[in-house]
Amino acid sequence: MSPRERLRIGVVGLSRRLADVVFVLLLIVVVLQAGWLAARYDRWWDWTSSARNSLSAETLAVLDALGDGLRITVYAPADHRISRAVEQLVMRYRRRRPDIVVEYVDPQRAPETARADEVRLLGQLVLSYQGRRETLDRLGESTLTNAIARLMLERRPWVGVLEGHGERSITGSEGPDLGRLGQLLVQRGYRLLPLDLARQPSIPANLDLLLLSTPSIALFPGEADALTSYLDAGGNLLWLLDPGPMNGLEPVAAVLGIEPLPGQVVDAAASRLELDTPTTAVVADWPDHALGEDMDGPALFPGSLAFAGRAAPGWLLDTTLTTGPQSWNETGPVRGKIDQDPSAGEQRGPLPLALVLTRPRPAADPVVPTAADEQRAIVVGDGDFASNLHLDQGVNQILALRMVQWLSGRVGLVPVPEPTLDTAAITLSPVRGTLIFAGALIGLPALLLAAGLLIRWRRGREPEEEA
C-alpha cells in the first residue's frame, strides 16, 4: 500500500473519530438544553382517550371563579406514597391556579398542629380559604372540587324538605326516594332541613328553597296554610308533583295558578331511546335558560303529567320544559295500541312538563336570604325523574341540580362528573392474536438479526473496496 493511500485511510479514520466526538458533544448539548427547557417551561399533553389526566370543564370553571388564598394541608410525610398520590391530583389544579399553596405535614412530628385540625387519618386533607375550612378523608377530583366550591360560599344555603305525610324522603335509599339527590346537594354545600308541619306549624323564614313532593296522606288545612304563607312571604319553591290527587296541596296550586292536564303523558320518542314503555316523557328541546344551557342530551320523566301553559296573576311564566310533537296526555289505560282522543281532553304535544315561574319578591319581606329581588318557583309534573331509581338516566341529575341551584341563586355551582377510565378490553380474533404473537417473538428478532448481519457484511467489504 502506497504512503498516499495510507495517509488517505488515516485521514478517513481520523474524520470518523472526529465525527463521533462531535456527535457525542452535540448529544450532550441537546440533553442539557432539554433539561433546561423542561425546568424553565411547563408543557404537557394528555393523550388518553378519556382525558383522565386532565381536569373536567366543571372543575376549571370552579378554579376560574376562585379567589386568592386557597391552602391545602396534607397530613402525611412528603415522601409517603399517599403524598405522591395527592401530588399527582393537586398538580393538575396548580397548573390552572399556581397560587394554590400545598403543604405536607407529618402528624407524628407535628402532633399539636394535627390535633388542632382534628386529624384522624394519615393522608387527611385540610382546605382553608378566607377563614373557612373543609376536611377531606377521600381523594378524588369530585370530592376536592366540591370542597373548593363549598369554601367559596360565604353562607351555605338551606333547603327545607316537607316530610311526615308519606312524601319522597330526601335521605331515603328506596327507589322512589330522593336520597341520592340529597347527598349531591350536601356535597355542594347545601344544608337540608326536614320539615314536619304537624310538629312545626310554620316554615322558617331563612330558607333559600322549599322542596315539596306529593304526599300520600292528605295535609291538614293548617299545614297547607303554612305553605301558602311561605309563598306569600316570597319563598322559593321546587314542587315535584305526580299524577293523582294532590292530597291537600290544592291551595298551593291555586297560589301559583297551575292547572294539571288529565291523565299522564305518553311519548313516541321513548321508543327511539329503546325505552320499554311509552309513558316515559322525553325533553330534548332545551329553552334558552339557565336550566337548559349547554344541555347535550334528553331528560326522562317516567309517568309524568302535563300542565296548561299559564300561571296565576302576578306570576310570570319564565320558561317551560316541554315534550316533543309525538306526545299527548293519555287519559285511558296504557296497553295495546293507543292513540290520541281529543274528545277526552287529550292534547297533542309539545306539552309543558315543568313550569318555571317568577314574580317580584314582596317588598315587605326582608328576611328571605336570597340576594335576588325575584321570587322563583318550579313545578315539575313528575318526581320520579329526580328519584334514586331514575336520577342517572339521561341528563336528569344535571337538571335536578340546576333546578335547585337556580331557585336558590347558586347557578355557579355545577356538578363534577365522575372520571371515566379508558380501560376497555381489546378482543382479538385467533388469527390476529397468532400474527401478533409470531411477529413479536419471531418476526421482530429475525428482522433485527438480519439488519445486524447486513451491517457486519458491509463493514467487512470496506477495506477491500478501499484497497
Protein backbone atom coordinates (compact mmCIF):
# COMPACT_ATOMS: atom_id res chain seq x y z
CA MET A 1 0.00 0.00 0.00
CA SER A 2 1.47 3.35 -1.00
CA PRO A 3 2.08 6.17 1.53
CA ARG A 4 -0.61 8.26 -0.12
CA GLU A 5 -3.23 5.53 0.35
CA ARG A 6 -2.14 5.00 3.97
CA LEU A 7 -2.44 8.74 4.51
CA ARG A 8 -5.90 8.73 2.97
CA ILE A 9 -7.03 5.83 5.19
CA GLY A 10 -5.63 7.62 8.24
CA VAL A 11 -7.47 10.83 7.35
CA VAL A 12 -10.70 8.87 6.87
CA GLY A 13 -10.25 7.18 10.28
CA LEU A 14 -9.49 10.50 11.94
CA SER A 15 -12.56 12.06 10.33
CA ARG A 16 -14.73 9.26 11.67
CA ARG A 17 -13.35 9.66 15.20
CA LEU A 18 -13.78 13.41 14.99
CA ALA A 19 -17.36 12.93 13.77
CA ASP A 20 -18.02 10.59 16.71
CA VAL A 21 -16.66 13.17 19.14
CA VAL A 22 -18.77 15.94 17.59
CA PHE A 23 -21.84 13.70 17.73
CA VAL A 24 -21.30 12.97 21.44
CA LEU A 25 -20.79 16.69 22.20
CA LEU A 26 -23.93 17.64 20.30
CA LEU A 27 -25.89 14.92 22.12
CA ILE A 28 -24.72 16.25 25.48
CA VAL A 29 -25.72 19.79 24.46
CA VAL A 30 -29.19 18.63 23.35
CA VAL A 31 -29.74 16.73 26.61
CA LEU A 32 -28.63 19.70 28.73
CA GLN A 33 -30.77 22.09 26.72
CA ALA A 34 -33.80 19.79 27.00
CA GLY A 35 -33.32 19.65 30.77
CA TRP A 36 -33.03 23.42 30.97
CA LEU A 37 -36.19 23.92 28.91
CA ALA A 38 -38.10 21.33 30.96
CA ALA A 39 -37.15 23.13 34.18
CA ARG A 40 -38.00 26.57 32.82
CA TYR A 41 -41.18 25.83 30.87
CA ASP A 42 -44.10 23.58 31.87
CA ARG A 43 -45.70 21.89 28.89
CA TRP A 44 -47.73 18.70 28.96
CA TRP A 45 -50.19 16.81 26.78
CA ASP A 46 -52.92 14.38 27.78
CA TRP A 47 -53.24 11.73 25.05
CA THR A 48 -55.58 9.38 26.95
CA SER A 49 -58.88 8.76 25.19
CA SER A 50 -60.91 9.71 28.28
CA ALA A 51 -58.69 12.69 29.27
CA ARG A 52 -58.22 11.07 32.67
CA ASN A 53 -55.08 13.15 33.35
CA SER A 54 -56.92 16.44 32.80
CA LEU A 55 -59.43 18.35 34.89
CA SER A 56 -63.05 18.48 33.82
CA ALA A 57 -64.59 21.66 32.44
CA GLU A 58 -66.66 21.95 35.62
CA THR A 59 -63.55 21.93 37.81
CA LEU A 60 -61.85 24.52 35.61
CA ALA A 61 -64.91 26.78 35.96
CA VAL A 62 -64.71 26.49 39.76
CA LEU A 63 -60.98 27.30 39.74
CA ASP A 64 -61.53 30.32 37.49
CA ALA A 65 -64.10 31.69 39.95
CA LEU A 66 -61.85 31.01 42.95
CA GLY A 67 -60.18 33.96 44.65
CA ASP A 68 -56.75 34.08 46.22
CA GLY A 69 -55.81 32.34 49.43
CA LEU A 70 -56.59 28.63 48.99
CA ARG A 71 -54.28 26.48 51.12
CA ILE A 72 -54.22 22.67 51.12
CA THR A 73 -52.56 20.93 54.05
CA VAL A 74 -51.80 17.24 53.55
CA TYR A 75 -51.22 15.39 56.81
CA ALA A 76 -48.66 12.85 55.61
CA PRO A 77 -44.88 12.82 55.18
CA ALA A 78 -43.78 14.36 51.90
CA ASP A 79 -42.12 11.12 50.77
CA HIS A 80 -45.08 8.88 51.67
CA ARG A 81 -46.99 7.09 48.91
CA ILE A 82 -50.18 8.90 49.96
CA SER A 83 -48.45 12.24 49.45
CA ARG A 84 -47.32 11.18 45.98
CA ALA A 85 -50.90 10.26 45.08
CA VAL A 86 -52.14 13.62 46.39
CA GLU A 87 -49.43 15.43 44.45
CA GLN A 88 -50.49 13.78 41.19
CA LEU A 89 -54.00 15.17 41.61
CA VAL A 90 -53.17 18.56 43.11
CA MET A 91 -50.59 19.17 40.37
CA ARG A 92 -53.45 19.41 37.86
CA TYR A 93 -55.13 22.08 39.98
CA ARG A 94 -51.90 24.06 40.32
CA ARG A 95 -51.39 24.07 36.57
CA ARG A 96 -54.56 26.14 36.39
CA ARG A 97 -54.00 28.06 39.62
CA PRO A 98 -50.30 28.29 40.55
CA ASP A 99 -51.23 30.41 43.61
CA ILE A 100 -52.69 27.38 45.43
CA VAL A 101 -50.43 26.65 48.40
CA VAL A 102 -49.82 22.97 49.22
CA GLU A 103 -48.14 21.96 52.49
CA TYR A 104 -47.20 18.48 53.71
CA VAL A 105 -47.22 17.94 57.46
CA ASP A 106 -46.09 14.77 59.22
CA PRO A 107 -48.69 14.28 62.01
CA GLN A 108 -46.15 12.37 64.12
CA ARG A 109 -43.67 15.23 64.03
CA ALA A 110 -46.32 17.95 64.44
CA PRO A 111 -48.93 16.38 66.75
CA GLU A 112 -50.19 19.72 68.08
CA THR A 113 -50.94 21.01 64.59
CA ALA A 114 -52.67 17.75 63.68
CA ARG A 115 -54.71 17.86 66.87
CA ALA A 116 -55.80 21.45 66.20
CA ASP A 117 -57.06 20.43 62.73
CA GLU A 118 -58.79 17.33 64.19
CA VAL A 119 -56.77 14.95 62.04
CA ARG A 120 -57.85 11.34 62.47
CA LEU A 121 -56.35 9.63 59.40
CA LEU A 122 -52.99 9.62 57.69
CA GLY A 123 -53.39 11.43 54.37
CA GLN A 124 -56.26 13.63 55.55
CA LEU A 125 -56.57 16.94 53.66
CA VAL A 126 -57.49 20.23 55.31
CA LEU A 127 -58.51 23.05 52.96
CA SER A 128 -58.61 26.63 54.24
CA TYR A 129 -59.89 29.63 52.32
CA GLN A 130 -60.76 33.12 53.56
CA GLY A 131 -61.37 31.95 57.12
CA ARG A 132 -63.41 28.88 56.15
CA ARG A 133 -62.23 25.29 56.36
CA GLU A 134 -63.06 21.88 54.86
CA THR A 135 -61.69 18.46 55.82
CA LEU A 136 -61.46 15.60 53.31
CA ASP A 137 -60.94 11.92 54.08
CA ARG A 138 -61.22 10.71 50.46
CA LEU A 139 -59.18 11.74 47.44
CA GLY A 140 -60.65 12.46 44.01
CA GLU A 141 -61.43 15.30 41.64
CA SER A 142 -65.12 15.30 42.52
CA THR A 143 -64.56 15.49 46.30
CA LEU A 144 -61.78 18.07 46.04
CA THR A 145 -63.64 20.34 43.62
CA ASN A 146 -66.84 20.13 45.64
CA ALA A 147 -64.90 21.08 48.77
CA ILE A 148 -63.43 24.12 46.99
CA ALA A 149 -66.90 25.10 45.77
CA ARG A 150 -68.26 24.86 49.32
CA LEU A 151 -65.44 27.05 50.61
CA MET A 152 -66.38 29.71 48.09
CA LEU A 153 -69.84 30.03 49.65
CA GLU A 154 -69.96 32.79 52.23
CA ARG A 155 -73.17 31.26 53.55
CA ARG A 156 -74.32 27.70 52.98
CA PRO A 157 -77.89 27.72 51.64
CA TRP A 158 -80.76 25.98 53.45
CA VAL A 159 -83.18 23.65 51.65
CA GLY A 160 -86.31 22.77 53.59
CA VAL A 161 -87.92 19.43 52.70
CA LEU A 162 -91.54 18.66 53.58
CA GLU A 163 -91.96 15.28 55.30
CA GLY A 164 -94.28 13.46 57.66
CA HIS A 165 -97.04 12.68 55.15
CA GLY A 166 -95.50 9.90 53.07
CA GLU A 167 -93.51 12.18 50.77
CA ARG A 168 -90.33 11.17 48.98
CA SER A 169 -87.57 11.08 51.59
CA ILE A 170 -84.55 13.30 50.98
CA THR A 171 -82.42 10.83 52.96
CA GLY A 172 -84.09 7.57 51.92
CA SER A 173 -82.41 4.80 49.94
CA GLU A 174 -85.52 3.28 48.33
CA GLY A 175 -86.08 3.69 44.61
CA PRO A 176 -88.75 6.44 44.80
CA ASP A 177 -86.82 8.43 47.44
CA LEU A 178 -84.56 11.41 46.83
CA GLY A 179 -81.61 10.27 48.94
CA ARG A 180 -79.03 10.44 46.14
CA LEU A 181 -80.11 13.95 45.22
CA GLY A 182 -79.83 14.91 48.88
CA GLN A 183 -76.26 13.57 49.01
CA LEU A 184 -75.31 15.56 45.92
CA LEU A 185 -76.74 18.74 47.44
CA VAL A 186 -74.82 18.24 50.68
CA GLN A 187 -71.62 17.71 48.68
CA ARG A 188 -72.21 21.07 47.00
CA GLY A 189 -72.62 22.96 50.24
CA TYR A 190 -76.38 22.82 50.82
CA ARG A 191 -77.86 22.14 54.23
CA LEU A 192 -81.04 20.07 54.36
CA LEU A 193 -83.79 20.78 56.88
CA PRO A 194 -86.61 18.20 57.18
CA LEU A 195 -89.93 19.91 57.97
CA ASP A 196 -92.90 18.21 59.61
CA LEU A 197 -95.66 20.80 59.74
CA ALA A 198 -97.61 18.69 62.21
CA ARG A 199 -94.85 19.40 64.74
CA GLN A 200 -93.61 22.73 63.42
CA PRO A 201 -96.58 24.92 62.46
CA SER A 202 -94.58 27.49 60.47
CA ILE A 203 -91.82 27.37 57.89
CA PRO A 204 -88.54 29.10 58.86
CA ALA A 205 -88.11 32.42 57.13
CA ASN A 206 -84.41 31.90 56.39
CA LEU A 207 -84.91 29.04 53.92
CA ASP A 208 -83.40 29.54 50.50
CA LEU A 209 -85.71 26.94 48.99
CA LEU A 210 -88.60 24.66 49.96
CA LEU A 211 -88.81 21.23 48.31
CA LEU A 212 -92.24 19.62 48.05
CA SER A 213 -93.17 16.20 46.79
CA THR A 214 -96.67 14.76 46.59
CA PRO A 215 -97.79 13.38 50.00
CA SER A 216 -99.55 10.04 50.27
CA ILE A 217 -101.53 11.28 53.30
CA ALA A 218 -103.61 14.42 52.98
CA LEU A 219 -102.29 17.54 54.71
CA PHE A 220 -104.37 19.29 57.34
CA PRO A 221 -105.75 22.74 56.39
CA GLY A 222 -103.36 24.46 58.81
CA GLU A 223 -100.37 22.80 57.15
CA ALA A 224 -101.49 23.98 53.72
CA ASP A 225 -101.89 27.50 55.17
CA ALA A 226 -98.26 27.40 56.32
CA LEU A 227 -97.19 26.57 52.77
CA THR A 228 -99.21 29.38 51.20
CA SER A 229 -97.92 31.81 53.85
CA TYR A 230 -94.39 30.83 52.88
CA LEU A 231 -95.15 31.64 49.22
CA ASP A 232 -96.90 34.89 50.11
CA ALA A 233 -93.78 35.92 52.03
CA GLY A 234 -91.60 35.46 48.95
CA GLY A 235 -90.14 31.98 49.47
CA ASN A 236 -88.75 29.95 46.59
CA LEU A 237 -90.34 26.59 45.78
CA LEU A 238 -89.49 23.36 43.95
CA TRP A 239 -92.60 21.21 43.69
CA LEU A 240 -92.26 17.64 42.38
CA LEU A 241 -95.87 16.86 41.51
CA ASP A 242 -97.02 13.41 40.42
CA PRO A 243 -100.19 12.23 38.65
CA GLY A 244 -103.05 11.61 41.06
CA PRO A 245 -104.64 13.56 43.91
CA MET A 246 -102.73 16.48 45.43
CA ASN A 247 -103.70 15.43 48.98
CA GLY A 248 -104.08 18.88 50.48
CA LEU A 249 -101.74 20.82 48.23
CA GLU A 250 -104.57 22.35 46.20
CA PRO A 251 -104.14 25.79 47.91
CA VAL A 252 -100.52 25.84 46.75
CA ALA A 253 -101.64 25.11 43.19
CA ALA A 254 -104.17 27.95 43.47
CA VAL A 255 -101.48 30.45 44.56
CA LEU A 256 -99.32 29.52 41.58
CA GLY A 257 -102.23 29.19 39.17
CA ILE A 258 -101.14 25.81 37.81
CA GLU A 259 -103.64 23.51 36.13
CA PRO A 260 -102.60 19.88 35.50
CA LEU A 261 -103.97 18.25 32.38
CA PRO A 262 -105.84 14.95 32.86
CA GLY A 263 -104.04 11.63 32.51
CA GLN A 264 -100.35 11.07 32.05
CA VAL A 265 -98.02 11.84 29.18
CA VAL A 266 -97.19 9.21 26.59
CA ASP A 267 -94.39 9.93 24.17
CA ALA A 268 -93.42 8.10 20.97
CA ALA A 269 -89.87 9.48 21.39
CA ALA A 270 -89.37 6.94 24.16
CA SER A 271 -89.24 4.11 21.59
CA ARG A 272 -86.35 5.80 19.76
CA LEU A 273 -84.40 5.73 23.03
CA GLU A 274 -85.19 1.98 23.38
CA LEU A 275 -87.31 2.53 26.49
CA ASP A 276 -89.78 -0.19 27.41
CA THR A 277 -92.82 1.99 27.99
CA PRO A 278 -94.32 4.96 26.15
CA THR A 279 -95.23 6.57 29.50
CA THR A 280 -91.70 7.98 29.78
CA ALA A 281 -91.82 11.55 28.54
CA VAL A 282 -88.72 12.90 26.82
CA VAL A 283 -87.49 16.50 26.99
CA ALA A 284 -84.76 17.14 24.43
CA ASP A 285 -85.56 20.64 23.10
CA TRP A 286 -83.99 22.87 25.75
CA PRO A 287 -85.02 26.51 26.22
CA ASP A 288 -82.69 29.50 26.25
CA HIS A 289 -82.50 29.50 30.04
CA ALA A 290 -80.04 28.61 32.81
CA LEU A 291 -81.78 25.23 33.15
CA GLY A 292 -81.08 24.26 29.54
CA GLU A 293 -77.74 25.90 28.90
CA ASP A 294 -75.34 23.56 27.04
CA MET A 295 -77.53 20.52 27.63
CA ASP A 296 -76.40 17.79 25.23
CA GLY A 297 -78.90 15.03 25.94
CA PRO A 298 -82.51 14.28 26.85
CA ALA A 299 -84.12 14.27 30.29
CA LEU A 300 -86.51 11.40 31.01
CA PHE A 301 -89.71 11.78 33.03
CA PRO A 302 -91.37 8.42 33.81
CA GLY A 303 -95.11 8.69 34.42
CA SER A 304 -95.38 12.46 34.17
CA LEU A 305 -98.37 14.73 33.96
CA ALA A 306 -98.53 17.89 31.86
CA PHE A 307 -99.80 21.39 32.56
CA ALA A 308 -101.77 24.08 30.89
CA GLY A 309 -99.20 26.71 29.98
CA ARG A 310 -100.34 29.57 32.21
CA ALA A 311 -99.83 30.94 35.71
CA ALA A 312 -101.72 32.95 38.32
CA PRO A 313 -101.94 36.76 38.01
CA GLY A 314 -98.75 38.36 39.24
CA TRP A 315 -96.62 35.39 38.26
CA LEU A 316 -94.58 35.35 35.05
CA LEU A 317 -94.17 32.12 33.14
CA ASP A 318 -90.42 32.46 32.63
CA THR A 319 -89.98 29.29 30.57
CA THR A 320 -91.24 25.72 30.26
CA LEU A 321 -89.72 22.29 29.69
CA THR A 322 -91.80 20.61 27.01
CA THR A 323 -92.15 17.27 25.26
CA GLY A 324 -91.92 16.72 21.52
CA PRO A 325 -94.75 16.78 18.96
CA GLN A 326 -95.30 12.98 19.16
CA SER A 327 -96.66 13.11 22.70
CA TRP A 328 -100.06 13.65 24.32
CA ASN A 329 -101.74 13.30 27.69
CA GLU A 330 -103.35 9.86 27.68
CA THR A 331 -106.42 9.62 29.91
CA GLY A 332 -107.15 5.93 29.33
CA PRO A 333 -105.25 2.78 30.24
CA VAL A 334 -101.88 2.42 28.52
CA ARG A 335 -101.98 -1.03 26.95
CA GLY A 336 -102.05 -2.34 23.42
CA LYS A 337 -102.34 0.22 20.65
CA ILE A 338 -103.19 3.71 21.88
CA ASP A 339 -103.96 6.93 20.07
CA GLN A 340 -104.92 10.48 20.97
CA ASP A 341 -108.60 11.09 21.75
CA PRO A 342 -109.37 14.84 21.63
CA SER A 343 -112.90 14.24 22.96
CA ALA A 344 -111.39 13.03 26.27
CA GLY A 345 -109.36 16.21 26.75
CA GLU A 346 -106.20 14.72 25.32
CA GLN A 347 -103.92 17.33 23.78
CA ARG A 348 -101.08 16.67 21.37
CA GLY A 349 -97.62 17.92 22.21
CA PRO A 350 -95.48 19.84 22.73
CA LEU A 351 -96.76 19.71 26.32
CA PRO A 352 -95.27 21.58 29.29
CA LEU A 353 -93.89 19.13 31.86
CA ALA A 354 -92.29 21.78 34.06
CA LEU A 355 -93.32 25.38 34.65
CA VAL A 356 -90.69 27.94 35.65
CA LEU A 357 -92.38 30.86 37.41
CA THR A 358 -91.08 34.19 38.69
CA ARG A 359 -92.52 37.32 40.23
CA PRO A 360 -91.12 40.35 42.08
CA ARG A 361 -90.29 39.47 45.67
CA PRO A 362 -92.73 41.06 48.16
CA ALA A 363 -91.18 44.29 49.44
CA ALA A 364 -92.44 43.66 52.95
CA ASP A 365 -90.22 40.59 53.38
CA PRO A 366 -86.61 41.48 54.26
CA VAL A 367 -85.85 38.05 55.76
CA VAL A 368 -85.60 35.75 52.73
CA PRO A 369 -81.83 35.31 52.30
CA THR A 370 -81.64 35.00 48.51
CA ALA A 371 -79.92 38.05 47.12
CA ALA A 372 -82.18 38.35 44.07
CA ASP A 373 -85.26 40.56 44.21
CA GLU A 374 -87.13 37.85 42.34
CA GLN A 375 -89.23 35.07 43.79
CA ARG A 376 -88.83 31.80 41.92
CA ALA A 377 -90.84 28.59 41.68
CA ILE A 378 -90.57 25.45 39.54
CA VAL A 379 -93.41 22.94 39.30
CA VAL A 380 -92.50 19.58 37.73
CA GLY A 381 -95.14 17.07 36.67
CA ASP A 382 -93.01 14.13 37.78
CA GLY A 383 -90.96 13.44 40.89
CA ASP A 384 -89.55 10.17 39.59
CA PHE A 385 -87.01 11.90 37.34
CA ALA A 386 -85.06 13.02 40.45
CA SER A 387 -85.54 9.77 42.40
CA ASN A 388 -82.83 7.27 43.27
CA LEU A 389 -84.12 4.95 40.57
CA HIS A 390 -84.03 7.41 37.66
CA LEU A 391 -81.52 10.11 38.62
CA ASP A 392 -78.79 8.61 36.39
CA GLN A 393 -80.98 8.45 33.29
CA GLY A 394 -80.26 10.99 30.57
CA VAL A 395 -79.36 14.39 31.99
CA ASN A 396 -81.76 14.04 34.94
CA GLN A 397 -79.07 14.58 37.55
CA ILE A 398 -77.77 17.75 35.92
CA LEU A 399 -81.30 19.07 35.50
CA ALA A 400 -82.30 18.38 39.12
CA LEU A 401 -79.18 20.09 40.45
CA ARG A 402 -79.66 23.06 38.15
CA MET A 403 -83.22 23.49 39.36
CA VAL A 404 -82.06 23.69 42.98
CA GLN A 405 -79.17 25.97 42.10
CA TRP A 406 -81.28 28.35 40.02
CA LEU A 407 -84.03 28.55 42.63
CA SER A 408 -81.54 29.26 45.42
CA GLY A 409 -79.50 31.71 43.37
CA ARG A 410 -76.43 29.44 43.22
CA VAL A 411 -76.19 28.92 39.46
CA GLY A 412 -72.38 28.97 39.54
CA LEU A 413 -72.15 25.61 41.31
CA VAL A 414 -72.05 22.82 38.75
CA PRO A 415 -71.81 19.07 39.20
CA VAL A 416 -68.41 17.49 38.69
CA PRO A 417 -68.65 14.30 36.62
CA GLU A 418 -67.02 11.14 37.84
CA PRO A 419 -63.94 10.20 35.80
CA THR A 420 -64.26 7.52 33.14
CA LEU A 421 -61.35 5.16 32.66
CA ASP A 422 -60.26 4.16 29.16
CA THR A 423 -59.72 0.55 30.19
CA ALA A 424 -61.98 -1.18 27.70
CA ALA A 425 -60.79 -4.67 26.83
CA ILE A 426 -59.49 -5.30 23.30
CA THR A 427 -60.75 -8.55 21.81
CA LEU A 428 -58.61 -10.09 19.07
CA SER A 429 -59.52 -12.87 16.71
CA PRO A 430 -57.35 -16.06 16.91
CA VAL A 431 -55.66 -15.21 13.59
CA ARG A 432 -54.72 -11.68 14.67
CA GLY A 433 -53.55 -12.93 18.05
CA THR A 434 -51.30 -15.51 16.39
CA LEU A 435 -49.87 -12.91 13.99
CA ILE A 436 -49.07 -10.50 16.82
CA PHE A 437 -47.51 -13.30 18.87
CA ALA A 438 -45.38 -14.53 15.96
CA GLY A 439 -44.36 -11.03 14.96
CA ALA A 440 -43.26 -10.08 18.46
CA LEU A 441 -41.37 -13.28 19.31
CA ILE A 442 -40.09 -14.36 15.88
CA GLY A 443 -40.50 -11.70 13.23
CA LEU A 444 -39.04 -8.71 15.08
CA PRO A 445 -35.95 -10.57 16.44
CA ALA A 446 -35.34 -12.06 12.97
CA LEU A 447 -35.52 -8.59 11.42
CA LEU A 448 -33.03 -7.19 13.92
CA LEU A 449 -30.69 -10.15 13.34
CA ALA A 450 -30.86 -9.68 9.58
CA ALA A 451 -30.12 -5.95 9.95
CA GLY A 452 -27.08 -6.72 12.14
CA LEU A 453 -25.71 -9.30 9.69
CA LEU A 454 -26.16 -6.88 6.79
CA ILE A 455 -24.26 -4.13 8.61
CA ARG A 456 -21.48 -6.60 9.50
CA TRP A 457 -21.18 -7.78 5.91
CA ARG A 458 -20.97 -4.24 4.54
CA ARG A 459 -18.31 -3.21 7.02
CA GLY A 460 -16.28 -6.29 6.11
CA ARG A 461 -16.24 -5.23 2.45
CA GLU A 462 -15.00 -1.67 3.10
CA PRO A 463 -11.18 -2.42 3.31
CA GLU A 464 -11.30 -4.42 0.08
CA GLU A 465 -13.02 -1.58 -1.74
CA GLU A 466 -10.53 0.96 -0.36
CA ALA A 467 -7.61 -1.30 -1.37
